C-alpha atoms as a PDB file:
ATOM      1  CA  VAL A   1     144.974 114.562  61.584  1.00  0.00           C
ATOM      2  CA  GLY A   2     146.846 115.428  58.387  1.00  0.00           C
ATOM      3  CA  ALA A   3     143.713 116.763  56.675  1.00  0.00           C
ATOM      4  CA  PHE A   4     142.891 118.910  59.704  1.00  0.00           C
ATOM      5  CA  LEU A   5     146.429 120.320  59.868  1.00  0.00           C
ATOM      6  CA  GLY A   6     146.313 121.057  56.157  1.00  0.00           C
ATOM      7  CA  LEU A   7     143.073 123.031  56.364  1.00  0.00           C
ATOM      8  CA  ALA A   8     143.467 124.705  59.772  1.00  0.00           C
ATOM      9  CA  PRO A   9     145.851 127.511  58.668  1.00  0.00           C
ATOM     10  CA  LEU A  10     143.329 128.592  56.003  1.00  0.00           C
ATOM     11  CA  MET A  11     140.262 128.797  58.220  1.00  0.00           C
ATOM     12  CA  LYS A  12     140.602 132.500  59.085  1.00  0.00           C
ATOM     13  CA  GLU A  13     139.873 133.215  55.434  1.00  0.00           C
ATOM     14  CA  LEU A  14     137.219 130.518  54.899  1.00  0.00           C
ATOM     15  CA  PRO A  15     133.557 130.220  55.848  1.00  0.00           C
ATOM     16  CA  GLY A  16     132.457 127.458  58.181  1.00  0.00           C
ATOM     17  CA  ARG A  17     134.368 125.443  60.755  1.00  0.00           C
ATOM     18  CA  ILE A  18     136.427 122.252  60.779  1.00  0.00           C
ATOM     19  CA  SER A  19     136.787 119.783  63.640  1.00  0.00           C
ATOM     20  CA  ILE A  20     139.009 116.785  64.223  1.00  0.00           C
ATOM     21  CA  ILE A  21     137.073 114.115  66.120  1.00  0.00           C
ATOM     22  CA  GLY A  22     138.968 111.152  67.510  1.00  0.00           C
ATOM     23  CA  THR A  23     136.901 107.986  67.043  1.00  0.00           C
ATOM     24  CA  PRO A  24     138.569 104.942  68.631  1.00  0.00           C
ATOM     25  CA  ALA A  25     137.295 101.359  68.655  1.00  0.00           C
ATOM     26  CA  GLU A  26     135.722 101.555  65.204  1.00  0.00           C
ATOM     27  CA  GLU A  27     135.342  97.790  64.854  1.00  0.00           C
ATOM     28  CA  GLY A  28     135.702  96.257  68.304  1.00  0.00           C
ATOM     29  CA  GLY A  29     133.699  98.766  70.313  1.00  0.00           C
ATOM     30  CA  ALA A  30     131.515 100.874  67.995  1.00  0.00           C
ATOM     31  CA  GLY A  31     133.126 104.071  69.283  1.00  0.00           C
ATOM     32  CA  LYS A  32     131.311 106.299  66.796  1.00  0.00           C
ATOM     33  CA  VAL A  33     127.945 104.924  67.926  1.00  0.00           C
ATOM     34  CA  LYS A  34     128.704 106.089  71.471  1.00  0.00           C
ATOM     35  CA  LEU A  35     129.985 109.449  70.233  1.00  0.00           C
ATOM     36  CA  LEU A  36     126.841 109.937  68.156  1.00  0.00           C
ATOM     37  CA  ALA A  37     124.646 109.099  71.138  1.00  0.00           C
ATOM     38  CA  ASN A  38     126.505 111.697  73.221  1.00  0.00           C
ATOM     39  CA  GLY A  39     126.194 114.487  70.656  1.00  0.00           C
ATOM     40  CA  ALA A  40     129.717 114.542  69.191  1.00  0.00           C
ATOM     41  CA  PHE A  41     128.320 114.970  65.650  1.00  0.00           C
ATOM     42  CA  ASP A  42     125.313 117.171  66.423  1.00  0.00           C
ATOM     43  CA  ASP A  43     127.001 120.296  65.050  1.00  0.00           C
ATOM     44  CA  VAL A  44     128.738 118.569  62.123  1.00  0.00           C
ATOM     45  CA  ASP A  45     127.368 118.767  58.558  1.00  0.00           C
ATOM     46  CA  PHE A  46     129.844 116.536  56.682  1.00  0.00           C
ATOM     47  CA  ALA A  47     132.273 113.816  57.813  1.00  0.00           C
ATOM     48  CA  LEU A  48     135.432 112.740  55.969  1.00  0.00           C
ATOM     49  CA  MET A  49     137.902 109.955  56.672  1.00  0.00           C
ATOM     50  CA  MET A  50     139.930 107.365  54.834  1.00  0.00           C
ATOM     51  CA  HIS A  51     141.067 103.786  55.370  1.00  0.00           C
ATOM     52  CA  PRO A  52     144.137 101.891  54.167  1.00  0.00           C
ATOM     53  CA  SER A  53     143.813  98.935  51.816  1.00  0.00           C
ATOM     54  CA  GLY A  54     146.167  96.724  49.825  1.00  0.00           C
ATOM     55  CA  GLY A  55     146.676  95.056  46.483  1.00  0.00           C
ATOM     56  CA  GLY A  56     146.404  98.322  44.569  1.00  0.00           C
ATOM     57  CA  SER A  57     142.755  98.669  45.592  1.00  0.00           C
ATOM     58  CA  ASN A  58     141.958 102.402  45.639  1.00  0.00           C
ATOM     59  CA  LEU A  59     138.204 102.599  46.170  1.00  0.00           C
ATOM     60  CA  VAL A  60     135.668 105.377  46.563  1.00  0.00           C
ATOM     61  CA  GLY A  61     132.070 104.784  47.595  1.00  0.00           C
ATOM     62  CA  ARG A  62     132.681 101.365  49.118  1.00  0.00           C
ATOM     63  CA  GLY A  63     129.796 100.176  51.234  1.00  0.00           C
ATOM     64  CA  GLY A  64     129.775  98.091  54.374  1.00  0.00           C
ATOM     65  CA  ARG A  65     127.361  95.796  56.129  1.00  0.00           C
ATOM     66  CA  ALA A  66     125.752  96.235  59.517  1.00  0.00           C
ATOM     67  CA  ALA A  67     127.432  94.183  62.243  1.00  0.00           C
ATOM     68  CA  CYS A  68     127.064  93.250  65.875  1.00  0.00           C
ATOM     69  CA  THR A  69     128.545  90.869  68.450  1.00  0.00           C
ATOM     70  CA  VAL A  70     126.116  88.739  70.451  1.00  0.00           C
ATOM     71  CA  ARG A  71     127.180  86.854  73.588  1.00  0.00           C
ATOM     72  CA  VAL A  72     125.286  83.908  75.083  1.00  0.00           C
ATOM     73  CA  ASP A  73     126.013  82.460  78.524  1.00  0.00           C
ATOM     74  CA  PHE A  74     124.309  79.364  79.915  1.00  0.00           C
ATOM     75  CA  THR A  75     124.081  78.311  83.544  1.00  0.00           C
ATOM     76  CA  GLY A  76     123.428  74.654  84.343  1.00  0.00           C
ATOM     77  CA  LYS A  77     124.335  72.366  87.225  1.00  0.00           C
ATOM     78  CA  GLY A  78     127.710  70.749  87.762  1.00  0.00           C
ATOM     79  CA  ALA A  79     128.075  67.023  88.359  1.00  0.00           C
ATOM     80  CA  HIS A  80     130.683  64.299  88.116  1.00  0.00           C
ATOM     81  CA  SER A  81     130.757  62.717  84.683  1.00  0.00           C
ATOM     82  CA  SER A  82     130.234  59.268  86.232  1.00  0.00           C
ATOM     83  CA  ALA A  83     126.663  60.392  87.011  1.00  0.00           C
ATOM     84  CA  PRO A  84     125.752  62.953  84.309  1.00  0.00           C
ATOM     85  CA  GLN A  85     122.056  62.576  85.148  1.00  0.00           C
ATOM     86  CA  ASN A  86     122.727  64.573  88.316  1.00  0.00           C
ATOM     87  CA  GLY A  87     123.798  67.640  86.360  1.00  0.00           C
ATOM     88  CA  ILE A  88     122.493  70.092  83.782  1.00  0.00           C
ATOM     89  CA  ASN A  89     124.996  70.385  80.942  1.00  0.00           C
ATOM     90  CA  ALA A  90     125.489  74.057  80.016  1.00  0.00           C
ATOM     91  CA  LEU A  91     127.860  73.071  77.197  1.00  0.00           C
ATOM     92  CA  SER A  92     125.140  70.947  75.592  1.00  0.00           C
ATOM     93  CA  ALA A  93     122.996  74.090  75.464  1.00  0.00           C
ATOM     94  CA  VAL A  94     125.800  75.997  73.715  1.00  0.00           C
ATOM     95  CA  ILE A  95     126.234  73.180  71.182  1.00  0.00           C
ATOM     96  CA  SER A  96     122.486  73.189  70.582  1.00  0.00           C
ATOM     97  CA  VAL A  97     122.555  76.885  69.673  1.00  0.00           C
ATOM     98  CA  PHE A  98     125.332  76.286  67.124  1.00  0.00           C
ATOM     99  CA  ASN A  99     123.448  73.339  65.616  1.00  0.00           C
ATOM    100  CA  GLN A 100     120.234  75.316  65.316  1.00  0.00           C
ATOM    101  CA  ILE A 101     121.978  78.206  63.568  1.00  0.00           C
ATOM    102  CA  ASP A 102     123.629  75.785  61.139  1.00  0.00           C
ATOM    103  CA  MET A 103     120.250  74.194  60.386  1.00  0.00           C
ATOM    104  CA  MET A 104     118.797  77.611  59.497  1.00  0.00           C
ATOM    105  CA  ARG A 105     121.652  78.830  57.277  1.00  0.00           C
ATOM    106  CA  PRO A 106     119.828  77.844  54.048  1.00  0.00           C
ATOM    107  CA  THR A 107     117.113  80.366  54.987  1.00  0.00           C
ATOM    108  CA  PHE A 108     119.543  83.267  55.461  1.00  0.00           C
ATOM    109  CA  ASP A 109     119.600  86.278  53.139  1.00  0.00           C
ATOM    110  CA  PRO A 110     122.673  86.412  50.846  1.00  0.00           C
ATOM    111  CA  GLN A 111     124.368  89.129  52.925  1.00  0.00           C
ATOM    112  CA  ASP A 112     123.698  87.437  56.283  1.00  0.00           C
ATOM    113  CA  ASN A 113     126.624  86.010  58.267  1.00  0.00           C
ATOM    114  CA  ILE A 114     126.528  84.425  61.709  1.00  0.00           C
ATOM    115  CA  ASN A 115     129.928  83.127  62.806  1.00  0.00           C
ATOM    116  CA  GLY A 116     130.612  82.004  66.361  1.00  0.00           C
ATOM    117  CA  ILE A 117     133.116  80.716  68.869  1.00  0.00           C
ATOM    118  CA  VAL A 118     132.846  78.911  72.203  1.00  0.00           C
ATOM    119  CA  THR A 119     134.112  81.270  74.899  1.00  0.00           C
ATOM    120  CA  ASN A 120     133.638  78.879  77.813  1.00  0.00           C
ATOM    121  CA  GLY A 121     133.377  75.137  77.331  1.00  0.00           C
ATOM    122  CA  GLY A 122     133.854  73.931  80.901  1.00  0.00           C
ATOM    123  CA  ALA A 123     136.829  73.257  83.157  1.00  0.00           C
ATOM    124  CA  ALA A 124     137.507  69.521  82.882  1.00  0.00           C
ATOM    125  CA  ALA A 125     136.329  66.622  80.743  1.00  0.00           C
ATOM    126  CA  ASN A 126     135.198  64.590  83.765  1.00  0.00           C
ATOM    127  CA  ILE A 127     132.877  67.341  85.037  1.00  0.00           C
ATOM    128  CA  ILE A 128     129.463  68.231  83.603  1.00  0.00           C
ATOM    129  CA  PRO A 129     129.869  71.981  82.892  1.00  0.00           C
ATOM    130  CA  ALA A 130     127.790  74.161  85.195  1.00  0.00           C
ATOM    131  CA  SER A 131     128.480  77.155  82.946  1.00  0.00           C
ATOM    132  CA  ALA A 132     129.330  77.602  79.277  1.00  0.00           C
ATOM    133  CA  GLY A 133     129.269  80.434  76.804  1.00  0.00           C
ATOM    134  CA  CYS A 134     129.636  81.481  73.185  1.00  0.00           C
ATOM    135  CA  ALA A 135     129.836  84.623  71.070  1.00  0.00           C
ATOM    136  CA  PHE A 136     128.616  85.329  67.549  1.00  0.00           C
ATOM    137  CA  CYS A 137     129.569  87.945  64.986  1.00  0.00           C
ATOM    138  CA  LEU A 138     126.485  88.965  63.001  1.00  0.00           C
ATOM    139  CA  ARG A 139     126.556  90.781  59.643  1.00  0.00           C
ATOM    140  CA  ALA A 140     123.643  91.804  57.454  1.00  0.00           C
ATOM    141  CA  ASP A 141     122.466  94.374  54.912  1.00  0.00           C
ATOM    142  CA  THR A 142     120.929  96.695  57.505  1.00  0.00           C
ATOM    143  CA  MET A 143     120.664  97.278  61.227  1.00  0.00           C
ATOM    144  CA  LYS A 144     117.002  96.288  60.899  1.00  0.00           C
ATOM    145  CA  ARG A 145     118.084  92.888  59.600  1.00  0.00           C
ATOM    146  CA  ILE A 146     120.639  92.552  62.428  1.00  0.00           C
ATOM    147  CA  GLU A 147     117.762  92.950  64.885  1.00  0.00           C
ATOM    148  CA  VAL A 148     115.991  90.056  63.143  1.00  0.00           C
ATOM    149  CA  LEU A 149     119.113  87.874  63.451  1.00  0.00           C
ATOM    150  CA  ILE A 150     119.434  88.744  67.161  1.00  0.00           C
ATOM    151  CA  ASP A 151     115.846  87.577  67.626  1.00  0.00           C
ATOM    152  CA  LEU A 152     116.750  84.371  65.791  1.00  0.00           C
ATOM    153  CA  ILE A 153     119.560  83.701  68.264  1.00  0.00           C
ATOM    154  CA  LYS A 154     117.180  84.431  71.150  1.00  0.00           C
ATOM    155  CA  THR A 155     114.839  81.752  69.745  1.00  0.00           C
ATOM    156  CA  CYS A 156     117.724  79.283  69.504  1.00  0.00           C
ATOM    157  CA  VAL A 157     118.636  79.993  73.135  1.00  0.00           C
ATOM    158  CA  ALA A 158     115.032  79.491  74.257  1.00  0.00           C
ATOM    159  CA  ASN A 159     114.912  76.165  72.414  1.00  0.00           C
ATOM    160  CA  ALA A 160     118.212  75.093  74.004  1.00  0.00           C
ATOM    161  CA  GLU A 161     116.841  75.947  77.433  1.00  0.00           C
ATOM    162  CA  LYS A 162     113.847  73.660  76.863  1.00  0.00           C
ATOM    163  CA  LEU A 163     116.020  70.848  75.576  1.00  0.00           C
ATOM    164  CA  THR A 164     118.700  70.915  78.256  1.00  0.00           C
ATOM    165  CA  GLY A 165     117.258  72.670  81.297  1.00  0.00           C
ATOM    166  CA  ALA A 166     120.111  75.196  81.333  1.00  0.00           C
ATOM    167  CA  LYS A 167     119.263  78.894  81.609  1.00  0.00           C
ATOM    168  CA  GLY A 168     120.587  81.265  78.964  1.00  0.00           C
ATOM    169  CA  LEU A 169     121.479  84.942  79.055  1.00  0.00           C
ATOM    170  CA  VAL A 170     121.763  86.869  75.764  1.00  0.00           C
ATOM    171  CA  ALA A 171     123.582  90.216  75.466  1.00  0.00           C
ATOM    172  CA  TRP A 172     124.806  92.227  72.498  1.00  0.00           C
ATOM    173  CA  ASP A 173     126.990  95.238  71.754  1.00  0.00           C
ATOM    174  CA  ASP A 174     126.044  98.402  69.902  1.00  0.00           C
ATOM    175  CA  ILE A 175     125.196  97.694  66.266  1.00  0.00           C
ATOM    176  CA  SER A 176     127.525  99.148  63.637  1.00  0.00           C
ATOM    177  CA  ALA A 177     125.277 100.272  60.808  1.00  0.00           C
ATOM    178  CA  GLU A 178     125.498  99.621  57.114  1.00  0.00           C
ATOM    179  CA  ARG A 179     127.196 102.372  55.132  1.00  0.00           C
ATOM    180  CA  TYR A 180     125.734 105.057  52.863  1.00  0.00           C
ATOM    181  CA  PRO A 181     128.737 106.801  51.251  1.00  0.00           C
ATOM    182  CA  SER A 182     128.008 110.257  49.868  1.00  0.00           C
ATOM    183  CA  ARG A 183     128.529 109.828  46.133  1.00  0.00           C
ATOM    184  CA  PRO A 184     129.033 113.575  45.420  1.00  0.00           C
ATOM    185  CA  MET A 185     131.687 113.779  48.130  1.00  0.00           C
ATOM    186  CA  CYS A 186     133.284 110.528  46.936  1.00  0.00           C
ATOM    187  CA  GLN A 187     133.486 111.946  43.422  1.00  0.00           C
ATOM    188  CA  ALA A 188     135.136 115.106  44.746  1.00  0.00           C
ATOM    189  CA  PHE A 189     137.697 113.001  46.653  1.00  0.00           C
ATOM    190  CA  LYS A 190     138.252 110.858  43.549  1.00  0.00           C
ATOM    191  CA  ASP A 191     138.903 113.978  41.459  1.00  0.00           C
ATOM    192  CA  ASN A 192     141.291 115.363  44.055  1.00  0.00           C
ATOM    193  CA  MET A 193     143.248 112.107  44.287  1.00  0.00           C
ATOM    194  CA  HIS A 194     143.545 112.170  40.478  1.00  0.00           C
ATOM    195  CA  GLU A 195     145.235 115.573  40.824  1.00  0.00           C
ATOM    196  CA  LEU A 196     147.616 113.956  43.332  1.00  0.00           C
ATOM    197  CA  GLY A 197     148.456 111.110  40.927  1.00  0.00           C
ATOM    198  CA  ILE A 198     146.280 108.327  42.345  1.00  0.00           C
ATOM    199  CA  GLU A 199     143.427 106.879  40.317  1.00  0.00           C
ATOM    200  CA  MET A 200     140.428 105.795  42.365  1.00  0.00           C
ATOM    201  CA  THR A 201     137.763 103.320  41.221  1.00  0.00           C
ATOM    202  CA  TRP A 202     134.210 102.508  42.258  1.00  0.00           C
ATOM    203  CA  PRO A 203     133.702  99.132  44.009  1.00  0.00           C
ATOM    204  CA  ASP A 204     132.105  95.929  42.754  1.00  0.00           C
ATOM    205  CA  PRO A 205     128.479  96.202  43.987  1.00  0.00           C
ATOM    206  CA  LYS A 206     128.159  92.398  44.219  1.00  0.00           C
ATOM    207  CA  LYS A 207     131.089  91.915  46.574  1.00  0.00           C
ATOM    208  CA  GLN A 208     130.612  91.225  50.279  1.00  0.00           C
ATOM    209  CA  TYR A 209     132.394  93.814  52.380  1.00  0.00           C
ATOM    210  CA  GLY A 210     133.221  94.177  56.042  1.00  0.00           C
ATOM    211  CA  SER A 211     131.804  96.541  58.615  1.00  0.00           C
ATOM    212  CA  SER A 212     132.647  99.692  60.558  1.00  0.00           C
ATOM    213  CA  ASP A 213     130.845 102.227  62.707  1.00  0.00           C
ATOM    214  CA  ILE A 214     131.308 104.933  60.038  1.00  0.00           C
ATOM    215  CA  GLY A 215     127.985 103.573  58.782  1.00  0.00           C
ATOM    216  CA  ASN A 216     126.195 105.067  61.792  1.00  0.00           C
ATOM    217  CA  VAL A 217     127.702 108.469  60.977  1.00  0.00           C
ATOM    218  CA  SER A 218     126.682 108.118  57.314  1.00  0.00           C
ATOM    219  CA  ILE A 219     123.055 107.683  58.400  1.00  0.00           C
ATOM    220  CA  LYS A 220     123.130 110.960  60.341  1.00  0.00           C
ATOM    221  CA  ILE A 221     125.126 113.125  57.915  1.00  0.00           C
ATOM    222  CA  PRO A 222     126.801 112.851  54.488  1.00  0.00           C
ATOM    223  CA  ALA A 223     130.092 110.994  54.967  1.00  0.00           C
ATOM    224  CA  ILE A 224     132.933 109.343  53.066  1.00  0.00           C
ATOM    225  CA  HIS A 225     135.242 106.507  54.101  1.00  0.00           C
ATOM    226  CA  ASP A 226     137.378 105.843  51.039  1.00  0.00           C
ATOM    227  CA  TYR A 227     140.282 103.420  50.627  1.00  0.00           C
ATOM    228  CA  LEU A 228     143.877 103.989  49.543  1.00  0.00           C
ATOM    229  CA  SER A 229     146.215 101.064  48.942  1.00  0.00           C
ATOM    230  CA  ILE A 230     149.543 101.119  50.774  1.00  0.00           C
ATOM    231  CA  THR A 231     150.973  98.202  48.774  1.00  0.00           C
ATOM    232  CA  ASP A 232     150.530  96.656  45.337  1.00  0.00           C
ATOM    233  CA  GLU A 233     151.029  93.252  46.920  1.00  0.00           C
ATOM    234  CA  GLU A 234     147.951  91.275  47.959  1.00  0.00           C
ATOM    235  CA  ILE A 235     148.353  91.249  51.742  1.00  0.00           C
ATOM    236  CA  PRO A 236     145.408  90.336  53.995  1.00  0.00           C
ATOM    237  CA  ALA A 237     144.253  93.225  56.173  1.00  0.00           C
ATOM    238  CA  HIS A 238     144.450  92.812  59.958  1.00  0.00           C
ATOM    239  CA  SER A 239     147.529  90.607  59.639  1.00  0.00           C
ATOM    240  CA  LYS A 240     151.133  90.786  60.852  1.00  0.00           C
ATOM    241  CA  GLU A 241     152.272  91.199  57.259  1.00  0.00           C
ATOM    242  CA  TYR A 242     149.966  94.160  56.752  1.00  0.00           C
ATOM    243  CA  ALA A 243     151.136  95.772  59.996  1.00  0.00           C
ATOM    244  CA  LYS A 244     154.713  95.501  58.704  1.00  0.00           C
ATOM    245  CA  ALA A 245     153.732  97.056  55.356  1.00  0.00           C
ATOM    246  CA  ALA A 246     151.971  99.910  57.168  1.00  0.00           C
ATOM    247  CA  ALA A 247     155.255 100.859  58.856  1.00  0.00           C
ATOM    248  CA  GLU A 248     157.107 101.247  55.545  1.00  0.00           C
ATOM    249  CA  PRO A 249     157.930 104.692  54.044  1.00  0.00           C
ATOM    250  CA  ALA A 250     155.724 103.948  51.025  1.00  0.00           C
ATOM    251  CA  ALA A 251     152.713 103.643  53.339  1.00  0.00           C
ATOM    252  CA  ASP A 252     153.576 106.972  54.963  1.00  0.00           C
ATOM    253  CA  GLU A 253     153.590 108.612  51.530  1.00  0.00           C
ATOM    254  CA  ILE A 254     150.133 107.217  50.789  1.00  0.00           C
ATOM    255  CA  CYS A 255     148.871 108.429  54.166  1.00  0.00           C
ATOM    256  CA  ILE A 256     150.100 111.942  53.444  1.00  0.00           C
ATOM    257  CA  LYS A 257     148.524 111.929  49.991  1.00  0.00           C
ATOM    258  CA  GLY A 258     145.279 110.745  51.521  1.00  0.00           C
ATOM    259  CA  ALA A 259     145.435 113.585  54.026  1.00  0.00           C
ATOM    260  CA  GLN A 260     145.979 116.016  51.146  1.00  0.00           C
ATOM    261  CA  GLY A 261     143.020 114.566  49.261  1.00  0.00           C
ATOM    262  CA  LEU A 262     140.757 114.838  52.316  1.00  0.00           C
ATOM    263  CA  ALA A 263     141.895 118.414  52.947  1.00  0.00           C
ATOM    264  CA  MET A 264     141.197 119.319  49.313  1.00  0.00           C
ATOM    265  CA  THR A 265     137.755 117.735  49.554  1.00  0.00           C
ATOM    266  CA  GLY A 266     137.084 119.603  52.798  1.00  0.00           C
ATOM    267  CA  LEU A 267     138.064 122.812  51.023  1.00  0.00           C
ATOM    268  CA  ASP A 268     135.678 121.958  48.197  1.00  0.00           C
ATOM    269  CA  LEU A 269     132.838 121.575  50.703  1.00  0.00           C
ATOM    270  CA  LEU A 270     133.671 124.865  52.403  1.00  0.00           C
ATOM    271  CA  LEU A 271     133.786 126.824  49.148  1.00  0.00           C
ATOM    272  CA  ASP A 272     131.286 125.078  46.873  1.00  0.00           C
ATOM    273  CA  GLU A 273     127.643 125.499  47.887  1.00  0.00           C
ATOM    274  CA  SER A 274     126.516 123.302  44.992  1.00  0.00           C
ATOM    275  CA  LEU A 275     128.636 120.400  46.324  1.00  0.00           C
ATOM    276  CA  ARG A 276     127.170 120.860  49.796  1.00  0.00           C
ATOM    277  CA  GLN A 277     123.664 120.886  48.356  1.00  0.00           C
ATOM    278  CA  ALA A 278     124.324 117.830  46.154  1.00  0.00           C
ATOM    279  CA  ALA A 279     125.698 115.919  49.150  1.00  0.00           C
ATOM    280  CA  ALA A 280     122.711 116.860  51.295  1.00  0.00           C
ATOM    281  CA  GLU A 281     120.219 115.902  48.567  1.00  0.00           C
ATOM    282  CA  TYR A 282     121.947 112.576  47.901  1.00  0.00           C
ATOM    283  CA  HIS A 283     121.970 111.803  51.623  1.00  0.00           C
ATOM    284  CA  GLU A 284     118.246 112.493  51.880  1.00  0.00           C
ATOM    285  CA  LYS A 285     117.599 110.197  48.928  1.00  0.00           C
ATOM    286  CA  VAL A 286     119.846 107.255  49.831  1.00  0.00           C
ATOM    287  CA  VAL A 287     119.221 106.843  53.576  1.00  0.00           C
ATOM    288  CA  PRO A 288     116.116 104.659  54.178  1.00  0.00           C
ATOM    289  CA  ASP A 289     113.049 106.337  55.635  1.00  0.00           C
ATOM    290  CA  PHE A 290     112.928 104.006  58.644  1.00  0.00           C
ATOM    291  CA  TYR A 291     116.052 105.708  60.021  1.00  0.00           C
ATOM    292  CA  LYS A 292     114.549 109.177  59.601  1.00  0.00           C
ATOM    293  CA  GLU A 293     111.603 108.335  61.844  1.00  0.00           C
ATOM    294  CA  LYS A 294     113.838 108.192  64.908  1.00  0.00           C
END
């Protein structure tokens, strides 16, 4: 919002067009995936946004893994626990899926994560559960790899069905893609933040990072999603302590500086054809060919 407001008054004198696109549910609902599918970015050439961080971590060009939530629901047959042979234990099927995934972890790729919870474990200990369910958060290097992991869970469910007699239903949300930050645009943002008194650094390529649907945008067009720290203190993100820090005046100052840096980078793109060309060429080079076939 701040970057848009900073650039908007200048647009009568500048070539091109700027848009502010609200993109809710970036982690819990893959909002950008839905917006992409409905054409929200069809007339956009470059996308810019930022993200808060902590611990003095000001990063440009940080990647992110592909991610997806998979839900599994089993239907069995209820029975009194005094005669379990009369029922089909849906919870046993859920437990089987967890055990199978754990058995296969040594075969996972280094960037693979499958973490799960039981969403429905039955109603009472003296009743054989007629229904039970679980959900898994999947992360991997690419969306292609996420599809492989979904198939793995499907296999586990099929095996659990054979073992227990329960019937399983597998469903999954939109996949948030891995991220391909535009290095030329990141460098421009880094340079602009230097002018504003904040030094940005490039990330550790060996570190495992989280996920966001900005990755899907970065596959379609050159995009940045850089990080500005709101506190020098090491505070875990997505925590009550971080929410409190985000409400402090110091965090507001960082937000405004970030908006300035994004506006300056947007201005660079509008005025500098060589930057636009470099961003387009880098995007063509870095995005895998299997995404361009679609």
